Amino acid sequence: MPPSLSWEALGVPQLDGKPIAAALIVDRLFREQILTQLCANDWSVMRIEPPLIVSRETCTRFVDAVERAVRWLEKSA
């Protein structure tokens, strides 16, 4: 990761050493009004909790948003 994508650059240097990629993806998804979380015991894991019944359109929207977030991260790295 470039220095601009570090915990220190984001203003939280006390988190140095923790994985940042999943946190950045969670942030990108939040910007698209998709709520996800970091797994509490492993910050390299992103948690999703979809409803029991979910439409195909919602699934497609989620997958497309994750793809955009990962592509953004790849370009930024």
C-alpha atoms as a PDB file:
ATOM      1  CA  MET A   1       0.000   0.000   0.000  1.00  0.00           C
ATOM      2  CA  PRO A   2       1.226   3.488  -0.711  1.00  0.00           C
ATOM      3  CA  PRO A   3       1.790   5.742   2.302  1.00  0.00           C
ATOM      4  CA  SER A   4      -1.360   7.711   1.440  1.00  0.00           C
ATOM      5  CA  LEU A   5      -3.402   4.558   2.181  1.00  0.00           C
ATOM      6  CA  SER A   6      -2.065   3.994   5.672  1.00  0.00           C
ATOM      7  CA  TRP A   7      -3.611   4.354   9.097  1.00  0.00           C
ATOM      8  CA  GLU A   8      -1.183   7.193   9.817  1.00  0.00           C
ATOM      9  CA  ALA A   9      -2.261   9.085   6.690  1.00  0.00           C
ATOM     10  CA  LEU A  10      -5.883   8.623   7.748  1.00  0.00           C
ATOM     11  CA  GLY A  11      -5.120  10.173  11.143  1.00  0.00           C
ATOM     12  CA  VAL A  12      -5.140   7.036  13.310  1.00  0.00           C
ATOM     13  CA  PRO A  13      -1.487   6.005  13.670  1.00  0.00           C
ATOM     14  CA  GLN A  14      -2.335   3.900  16.738  1.00  0.00           C
ATOM     15  CA  LEU A  15      -3.815   1.328  14.317  1.00  0.00           C
ATOM     16  CA  ASP A  16      -0.516   0.818  12.465  1.00  0.00           C
ATOM     17  CA  GLY A  17       0.071  -2.873  11.954  1.00  0.00           C
ATOM     18  CA  LYS A  18      -3.624  -3.619  11.443  1.00  0.00           C
ATOM     19  CA  PRO A  19      -4.727  -4.572   7.911  1.00  0.00           C
ATOM     20  CA  ILE A  20      -6.245  -1.624   6.052  1.00  0.00           C
ATOM     21  CA  ALA A  21      -7.596  -3.034   2.759  1.00  0.00           C
ATOM     22  CA  ALA A  22     -10.892  -4.355   4.173  1.00  0.00           C
ATOM     23  CA  ALA A  23     -11.454  -1.095   6.071  1.00  0.00           C
ATOM     24  CA  LEU A  24     -11.010   0.880   2.863  1.00  0.00           C
ATOM     25  CA  ILE A  25     -13.459  -1.384   1.031  1.00  0.00           C
ATOM     26  CA  VAL A  26     -15.978  -1.016   3.883  1.00  0.00           C
ATOM     27  CA  ASP A  27     -15.640   2.769   3.515  1.00  0.00           C
ATOM     28  CA  ARG A  28     -16.130   2.647  -0.269  1.00  0.00           C
ATOM     29  CA  LEU A  29     -19.253   0.514   0.150  1.00  0.00           C
ATOM     30  CA  PHE A  30     -20.605   2.892   2.811  1.00  0.00           C
ATOM     31  CA  ARG A  31     -20.318   5.705   0.262  1.00  0.00           C
ATOM     32  CA  GLU A  32     -22.715   3.644  -1.898  1.00  0.00           C
ATOM     33  CA  GLN A  33     -25.089   3.171   1.053  1.00  0.00           C
ATOM     34  CA  ILE A  34     -24.092  -0.464   1.586  1.00  0.00           C
ATOM     35  CA  LEU A  35     -23.390  -1.310   5.213  1.00  0.00           C
ATOM     36  CA  THR A  36     -20.672  -3.834   6.000  1.00  0.00           C
ATOM     37  CA  GLN A  37     -18.309  -4.290   8.940  1.00  0.00           C
ATOM     38  CA  LEU A  38     -14.808  -5.360   9.740  1.00  0.00           C
ATOM     39  CA  CYS A  39     -14.620  -8.638  11.588  1.00  0.00           C
ATOM     40  CA  ALA A  40     -13.658  -7.807  15.172  1.00  0.00           C
ATOM     41  CA  ASN A  41     -10.995 -10.484  15.564  1.00  0.00           C
ATOM     42  CA  ASP A  42      -9.513 -10.229  12.041  1.00  0.00           C
ATOM     43  CA  TRP A  43      -9.393  -6.851  10.331  1.00  0.00           C
ATOM     44  CA  SER A  44      -8.583  -8.456   6.993  1.00  0.00           C
ATOM     45  CA  VAL A  45     -12.135  -9.883   6.905  1.00  0.00           C
ATOM     46  CA  MET A  46     -15.178  -7.894   5.845  1.00  0.00           C
ATOM     47  CA  ARG A  47     -18.516  -9.020   7.319  1.00  0.00           C
ATOM     48  CA  ILE A  48     -21.731  -8.810   5.374  1.00  0.00           C
ATOM     49  CA  GLU A  49     -25.125  -9.581   6.871  1.00  0.00           C
ATOM     50  CA  PRO A  50     -27.756  -9.671   4.145  1.00  0.00           C
ATOM     51  CA  PRO A  51     -31.404 -10.186   5.019  1.00  0.00           C
ATOM     52  CA  LEU A  52     -32.793 -13.709   4.868  1.00  0.00           C
ATOM     53  CA  ILE A  53     -34.687 -12.841   1.700  1.00  0.00           C
ATOM     54  CA  VAL A  54     -32.832 -10.673  -0.781  1.00  0.00           C
ATOM     55  CA  SER A  55     -33.633  -9.770  -4.376  1.00  0.00           C
ATOM     56  CA  ARG A  56     -31.428 -10.554  -7.336  1.00  0.00           C
ATOM     57  CA  GLU A  57     -31.159  -6.803  -8.001  1.00  0.00           C
ATOM     58  CA  THR A  58     -29.831  -6.179  -4.500  1.00  0.00           C
ATOM     59  CA  CYS A  59     -27.272  -8.965  -4.889  1.00  0.00           C
ATOM     60  CA  THR A  60     -26.179  -7.567  -8.244  1.00  0.00           C
ATOM     61  CA  ARG A  61     -25.881  -4.059  -6.770  1.00  0.00           C
ATOM     62  CA  PHE A  62     -23.735  -5.404  -3.937  1.00  0.00           C
ATOM     63  CA  VAL A  63     -21.436  -7.428  -6.214  1.00  0.00           C
ATOM     64  CA  ASP A  64     -21.023  -4.469  -8.581  1.00  0.00           C
ATOM     65  CA  ALA A  65     -20.192  -2.149  -5.668  1.00  0.00           C
ATOM     66  CA  VAL A  66     -17.600  -4.577  -4.291  1.00  0.00           C
ATOM     67  CA  GLU A  67     -16.043  -4.863  -7.740  1.00  0.00           C
ATOM     68  CA  ARG A  68     -15.788  -1.062  -8.015  1.00  0.00           C
ATOM     69  CA  ALA A  69     -14.274  -0.841  -4.522  1.00  0.00           C
ATOM     70  CA  VAL A  70     -11.675  -3.519  -5.241  1.00  0.00           C
ATOM     71  CA  ARG A  71     -10.761  -1.898  -8.565  1.00  0.00           C
ATOM     72  CA  TRP A  72     -10.382   1.450  -6.784  1.00  0.00           C
ATOM     73  CA  LEU A  73      -8.115  -0.191  -4.219  1.00  0.00           C
ATOM     74  CA  GLU A  74      -6.025  -1.836  -6.940  1.00  0.00           C
ATOM     75  CA  LYS A  75      -5.587   1.501  -8.723  1.00  0.00           C
ATOM     76  CA  SER A  76      -4.667   3.219  -5.462  1.00  0.00           C
ATOM     77  CA  ALA A  77      -2.133   0.608  -4.381  1.00  0.00           C
END
